[in-house]
């Protein structure tokens, strides 16, 4: 279960990074 949670957290972090890139691109 803990491994699954870690994978979910990693996926969320990756999504946040992609969203941040999109936001930065939009406001540049």
PDB file of N, CA and C in Angstrom:
ATOM      1  N   UNK A   1       0.847  -1.202   0.000  1.00  0.00           N
ATOM      2  CA  UNK A   1       0.000   0.000   0.000  1.00  0.00           C
ATOM      3  C   UNK A   1       0.878   1.246   0.000  1.00  0.00           C
ATOM      4  N   UNK A   2       1.956   1.203   0.794  1.00  0.00           N
ATOM      5  CA  UNK A   2       2.810   2.387   0.882  1.00  0.00           C
ATOM      6  C   UNK A   2       3.500   2.668  -0.453  1.00  0.00           C
ATOM      7  N   UNK A   3       3.842   1.586  -1.172  1.00  0.00           N
ATOM      8  CA  UNK A   3       4.456   1.778  -2.482  1.00  0.00           C
ATOM      9  C   UNK A   3       3.480   2.467  -3.429  1.00  0.00           C
ATOM     10  N   UNK A   4       2.214   2.037  -3.392  1.00  0.00           N
ATOM     11  CA  UNK A   4       1.207   2.660  -4.252  1.00  0.00           C
ATOM     12  C   UNK A   4       1.078   4.140  -3.921  1.00  0.00           C
ATOM     13  N   UNK A   5       1.082   4.452  -2.643  1.00  0.00           N
ATOM     14  CA  UNK A   5       0.962   5.847  -2.222  1.00  0.00           C
ATOM     15  C   UNK A   5       2.158   6.649  -2.720  1.00  0.00           C
ATOM     16  N   UNK A   6       3.328   6.057  -2.651  1.00  0.00           N
ATOM     17  CA  UNK A   6       4.533   6.734  -3.132  1.00  0.00           C
ATOM     18  C   UNK A   6       4.432   6.990  -4.633  1.00  0.00           C
ATOM     19  N   UNK A   7       3.909   6.009  -5.365  1.00  0.00           N
ATOM     20  CA  UNK A   7       3.758   6.181  -6.812  1.00  0.00           C
ATOM     21  C   UNK A   7       2.768   7.300  -7.108  1.00  0.00           C
ATOM     22  N   UNK A   8       1.678   7.343  -6.355  1.00  0.00           N
ATOM     23  CA  UNK A   8       0.680   8.397  -6.555  1.00  0.00           C
ATOM     24  C   UNK A   8       1.300   9.761  -6.275  1.00  0.00           C
ATOM     25  N   UNK A   9       2.041   9.849  -5.175  1.00  0.00           N
ATOM     26  CA  UNK A   9       2.677  11.126  -4.835  1.00  0.00           C
ATOM     27  C   UNK A   9       3.663  11.541  -5.916  1.00  0.00           C
ATOM     28  N   UNK A  10       4.392  10.580  -6.466  1.00  0.00           N
ATOM     29  CA  UNK A  10       5.355  10.896  -7.521  1.00  0.00           C
ATOM     30  C   UNK A  10       4.616  11.393  -8.761  1.00  0.00           C
ATOM     31  N   UNK A  11       3.508  10.750  -9.093  1.00  0.00           N
ATOM     32  CA  UNK A  11       2.727  11.164 -10.254  1.00  0.00           C
ATOM     33  C   UNK A  11       2.200  12.578 -10.055  1.00  0.00           C
ATOM     34  N   UNK A  12       1.739  12.871  -8.839  1.00  0.00           N
ATOM     35  CA  UNK A  12       1.228  14.206  -8.540  1.00  0.00           C
ATOM     36  C   UNK A  12       2.341  15.235  -8.680  1.00  0.00           C
ATOM     37  N   UNK A  13       3.526  14.906  -8.171  1.00  0.00           N
ATOM     38  CA  UNK A  13       4.656  15.833  -8.285  1.00  0.00           C
ATOM     39  C   UNK A  13       4.987  16.091  -9.752  1.00  0.00           C
ATOM     40  N   UNK A  14       4.926  15.047 -10.570  1.00  0.00           N
ATOM     41  CA  UNK A  14       5.230  15.213 -11.989  1.00  0.00           C
ATOM     42  C   UNK A  14       4.172  16.085 -12.658  1.00  0.00           C
ATOM     43  N   UNK A  15       2.906  15.872 -12.307  1.00  0.00           N
ATOM     44  CA  UNK A  15       1.841  16.699 -12.860  1.00  0.00           C
ATOM     45  C   UNK A  15       2.023  18.151 -12.455  1.00  0.00           C
ATOM     46  N   UNK A  16       2.349  18.377 -11.184  1.00  0.00           N
ATOM     47  CA  UNK A  16       2.575  19.745 -10.707  1.00  0.00           C
ATOM     48  C   UNK A  16       3.702  20.403 -11.490  1.00  0.00           C
ATOM     49  N   UNK A  17       4.764  19.641 -11.758  1.00  0.00           N
ATOM     50  CA  UNK A  17       5.898  20.183 -12.505  1.00  0.00           C
ATOM     51  C   UNK A  17       5.462  20.560 -13.920  1.00  0.00           C
ATOM     52  N   UNK A  18       4.676  19.701 -14.562  1.00  0.00           N
ATOM     53  CA  UNK A  18       4.211  19.989 -15.920  1.00  0.00           C
ATOM     54  C   UNK A  18       3.304  21.211 -15.930  1.00  0.00           C
ATOM     55  N   UNK A  19       2.412  21.301 -14.941  1.00  0.00           N
ATOM     56  CA  UNK A  19       1.513  22.449 -14.846  1.00  0.00           C
ATOM     57  C   UNK A  19       2.321  23.726 -14.642  1.00  0.00           C
ATOM     58  N   UNK A  20       3.331  23.661 -13.778  1.00  0.00           N
ATOM     59  CA  UNK A  20       4.171  24.832 -13.522  1.00  0.00           C
ATOM     60  C   UNK A  20       4.869  25.281 -14.802  1.00  0.00           C
ATOM     61  N   UNK A  21       5.327  24.304 -15.602  1.00  0.00           N
ATOM     62  CA  UNK A  21       5.974  24.633 -16.882  1.00  0.00           C
ATOM     63  C   UNK A  21       4.975  25.335 -17.795  1.00  0.00           C
ATOM     64  N   UNK A  22       3.753  24.823 -17.854  1.00  0.00           N
ATOM     65  CA  UNK A  22       2.734  25.445 -18.701  1.00  0.00           C
ATOM     66  C   UNK A  22       2.438  26.862 -18.232  1.00  0.00           C
ATOM     67  N   UNK A  23       2.318  27.046 -16.919  1.00  0.00           N
ATOM     68  CA  UNK A  23       2.039  28.370 -16.364  1.00  0.00           C
ATOM     69  C   UNK A  23       3.185  29.322 -16.696  1.00  0.00           C
ATOM     70  N   UNK A  24       4.418  28.858 -16.505  1.00  0.00           N
ATOM     71  CA  UNK A  24       5.580  29.703 -16.798  1.00  0.00           C
ATOM     72  C   UNK A  24       5.593  30.083 -18.278  1.00  0.00           C
ATOM     73  N   UNK A  25       5.263  29.140 -19.142  1.00  0.00           N
ATOM     74  CA  UNK A  25       5.265  29.407 -20.578  1.00  0.00           C
ATOM     75  C   UNK A  25       4.188  30.433 -20.926  1.00  0.00           C
ATOM     76  N   UNK A  26       3.049  30.338 -20.255  1.00  0.00           N
ATOM     77  CA  UNK A  26       1.945  31.245 -20.549  1.00  0.00           C
ATOM     78  C   UNK A  26       2.284  32.683 -20.175  1.00  0.00           C
ATOM     79  N   UNK A  27       2.975  32.862 -19.065  1.00  0.00           N
ATOM     80  CA  UNK A  27       3.220  34.209 -18.556  1.00  0.00           C
ATOM     81  C   UNK A  27       4.581  34.755 -18.977  1.00  0.00           C
ATOM     82  N   UNK A  28       5.222  34.064 -19.904  1.00  0.00           N
ATOM     83  CA  UNK A  28       6.516  34.551 -20.371  1.00  0.00           C
ATOM     84  C   UNK A  28       6.333  35.302 -21.684  1.00  0.00           C
TER      85      UNK A  28
END
